[in-house]
Amino acid sequence: MKPPFQFILVDDDPTSNLICKLTIEKTYGISNTKAYEKPEAALNYLKTDFDADMATTTTLLLDINMPGMDGWEFMKAFSLLNENVKNNVKVYILSSSIDEADISKAAAIPEVTGYLTKPFLQKNHMQTFTDRRPYFREIAC
């Protein structure tokens, strides 16, 4: 039996990745969570090793402000991946930015499911993944 959730974290900040991973584990118990500090490494995983059958739901949490390849560039590359990957990975932008321009830009990308703000906390975000609805106005308390 496959686990219900798989998470892929893409953020250059290891502390943010750790907070996300601990929040996910606290909420769902043991889960399959992969963290990448380099967006290119996450793309490589999605291109070569991603298996849609590893979990019922795969959620990718993507920071937009990163050195080198930023989240917007990541999404351009993500849009070119095969349909199996794009159809089985729900991408949420996870950013400290509350700028309306960033939220609007994310909403205009068909592969982005929603926009969440940091800090990534159980009470603020975890219901979002089970609602299965677009979510573009999450503001942290």
Protein backbone atom coordinates (compact mmCIF):
# COMPACT_ATOMS: atom_id res chain seq x y z
CA MET A 1 0.00 0.00 0.00
CA LYS A 2 1.41 3.37 -0.97
CA PRO A 3 1.55 6.24 1.55
CA PRO A 4 -1.12 8.91 1.14
CA PHE A 5 1.31 11.84 0.92
CA GLN A 6 4.66 12.64 -0.60
CA PHE A 7 6.19 16.10 -0.23
CA ILE A 8 8.98 17.73 -2.22
CA LEU A 9 10.47 20.86 -0.65
CA VAL A 10 12.42 23.31 -2.81
CA ASP A 11 13.94 26.13 -0.78
CA ASP A 12 17.52 27.38 -0.50
CA ASP A 13 17.06 27.86 3.26
CA PRO A 14 17.77 24.62 5.17
CA THR A 15 15.97 25.96 8.25
CA SER A 16 12.79 26.54 6.26
CA ASN A 17 13.05 23.01 4.85
CA LEU A 18 13.48 21.60 8.35
CA ILE A 19 10.43 23.50 9.67
CA CYS A 20 8.35 22.25 6.75
CA LYS A 21 9.53 18.67 7.21
CA LEU A 22 8.82 18.68 10.96
CA THR A 23 5.37 20.22 10.42
CA ILE A 24 4.53 17.61 7.79
CA GLU A 25 5.75 14.76 10.02
CA LYS A 26 3.80 16.11 13.00
CA THR A 27 0.64 16.34 10.93
CA TYR A 28 0.82 13.17 8.83
CA GLY A 29 3.20 10.99 10.80
CA ILE A 30 5.91 9.35 8.75
CA SER A 31 5.77 10.69 5.22
CA ASN A 32 7.96 10.56 2.18
CA THR A 33 9.53 14.04 2.20
CA LYS A 34 12.43 15.11 0.00
CA ALA A 35 14.11 18.49 0.52
CA TYR A 36 16.22 20.29 -2.06
CA GLU A 37 18.20 23.47 -1.50
CA LYS A 38 19.03 23.70 -5.21
CA PRO A 39 16.06 23.89 -7.60
CA GLU A 40 18.08 22.20 -10.32
CA ALA A 41 18.44 19.09 -8.12
CA ALA A 42 14.67 18.95 -7.59
CA LEU A 43 14.08 19.23 -11.34
CA ASN A 44 16.58 16.44 -11.94
CA TYR A 45 14.71 14.25 -9.45
CA LEU A 46 11.40 14.99 -11.18
CA LYS A 47 12.89 14.21 -14.61
CA THR A 48 14.70 11.02 -13.72
CA ASP A 49 13.49 9.46 -10.46
CA PHE A 50 9.96 10.67 -9.75
CA ASP A 51 7.43 7.85 -9.49
CA ALA A 52 3.80 8.95 -9.46
CA ASP A 53 2.87 5.64 -7.84
CA MET A 54 4.94 6.35 -4.72
CA ALA A 55 2.05 8.21 -3.06
CA THR A 56 -1.58 9.08 -3.56
CA THR A 57 -0.80 12.80 -3.49
CA THR A 58 2.52 14.51 -4.26
CA THR A 59 2.84 18.12 -3.12
CA LEU A 60 5.77 20.35 -4.05
CA LEU A 61 6.39 23.43 -1.89
CA LEU A 62 8.44 25.98 -3.84
CA ASP A 63 10.15 29.12 -2.60
CA ILE A 64 10.32 31.90 -5.21
CA ASN A 65 13.24 33.95 -3.91
CA MET A 66 16.36 31.83 -4.29
CA PRO A 67 19.82 32.59 -5.65
CA GLY A 68 20.64 31.18 -9.07
CA MET A 69 17.44 29.59 -10.35
CA ASP A 70 14.47 31.25 -8.65
CA GLY A 71 10.97 29.82 -8.28
CA TRP A 72 9.69 31.47 -11.45
CA GLU A 73 12.48 29.93 -13.51
CA PHE A 74 11.80 26.60 -11.82
CA MET A 75 8.15 26.80 -12.91
CA LYS A 76 9.18 27.50 -16.53
CA ALA A 77 11.30 24.34 -16.47
CA PHE A 78 8.57 22.41 -14.62
CA SER A 79 6.06 23.30 -17.35
CA LEU A 80 8.29 21.47 -19.85
CA LEU A 81 8.34 18.20 -17.89
CA ASN A 82 6.34 15.21 -19.08
CA GLU A 83 2.61 15.08 -18.45
CA ASN A 84 2.94 12.25 -15.93
CA VAL A 85 4.93 14.51 -13.64
CA LYS A 86 2.81 17.63 -14.17
CA ASN A 87 -0.46 15.74 -13.65
CA ASN A 88 0.72 14.08 -10.44
CA VAL A 89 2.50 16.91 -8.62
CA LYS A 90 0.57 19.73 -7.00
CA VAL A 91 2.82 22.80 -6.80
CA TYR A 92 2.30 25.40 -4.08
CA ILE A 93 4.40 28.53 -3.92
CA LEU A 94 5.65 28.91 -0.33
CA SER A 95 7.12 32.36 0.12
CA SER A 96 7.67 35.09 2.66
CA SER A 97 6.43 37.55 0.01
CA ILE A 98 2.91 38.94 0.41
CA ASP A 99 3.33 41.16 -2.64
CA GLU A 100 0.16 41.12 -4.79
CA ALA A 101 2.33 41.00 -7.92
CA ASP A 102 3.88 37.69 -6.77
CA ILE A 103 0.48 36.24 -5.85
CA SER A 104 -0.98 37.29 -9.23
CA LYS A 105 2.03 35.94 -11.10
CA ALA A 106 1.65 32.58 -9.34
CA ALA A 107 -2.09 32.50 -10.05
CA ALA A 108 -1.38 32.96 -13.77
CA ILE A 109 0.77 29.81 -13.94
CA PRO A 110 -1.49 26.84 -14.76
CA GLU A 111 0.73 24.33 -12.94
CA VAL A 112 0.60 26.27 -9.64
CA THR A 113 -2.18 25.06 -7.35
CA GLY A 114 -1.86 27.75 -4.69
CA TYR A 115 0.19 30.39 -2.89
CA LEU A 116 1.12 29.96 0.78
CA THR A 117 3.07 32.28 3.01
CA LYS A 118 5.85 31.51 5.46
CA PRO A 119 6.17 30.50 8.17
CA PHE A 120 4.85 27.07 7.27
CA LEU A 121 2.77 26.15 10.29
CA GLN A 122 0.33 23.34 10.86
CA LYS A 123 -2.60 25.57 11.85
CA ASN A 124 -2.15 27.82 8.82
CA HIS A 125 -1.49 25.43 5.98
CA MET A 126 -2.11 21.75 6.46
CA GLN A 127 -5.87 21.82 5.74
CA THR A 128 -5.04 23.33 2.34
CA PHE A 129 -3.61 20.05 1.07
CA THR A 130 -6.69 18.03 1.96
CA ASP A 131 -9.20 20.57 0.60
CA ARG A 132 -7.98 19.96 -2.98
CA ARG A 133 -8.93 23.46 -4.08
CA PRO A 134 -6.92 26.36 -5.45
CA TYR A 135 -5.70 28.55 -2.63
CA PHE A 136 -4.18 31.91 -3.49
CA ARG A 137 -4.81 34.07 -0.42
CA GLU A 138 -3.16 32.32 2.53
CA ILE A 139 -1.68 34.88 4.90
CA ALA A 140 0.20 33.71 7.99
CA CYS A 141 -1.05 34.91 11.39
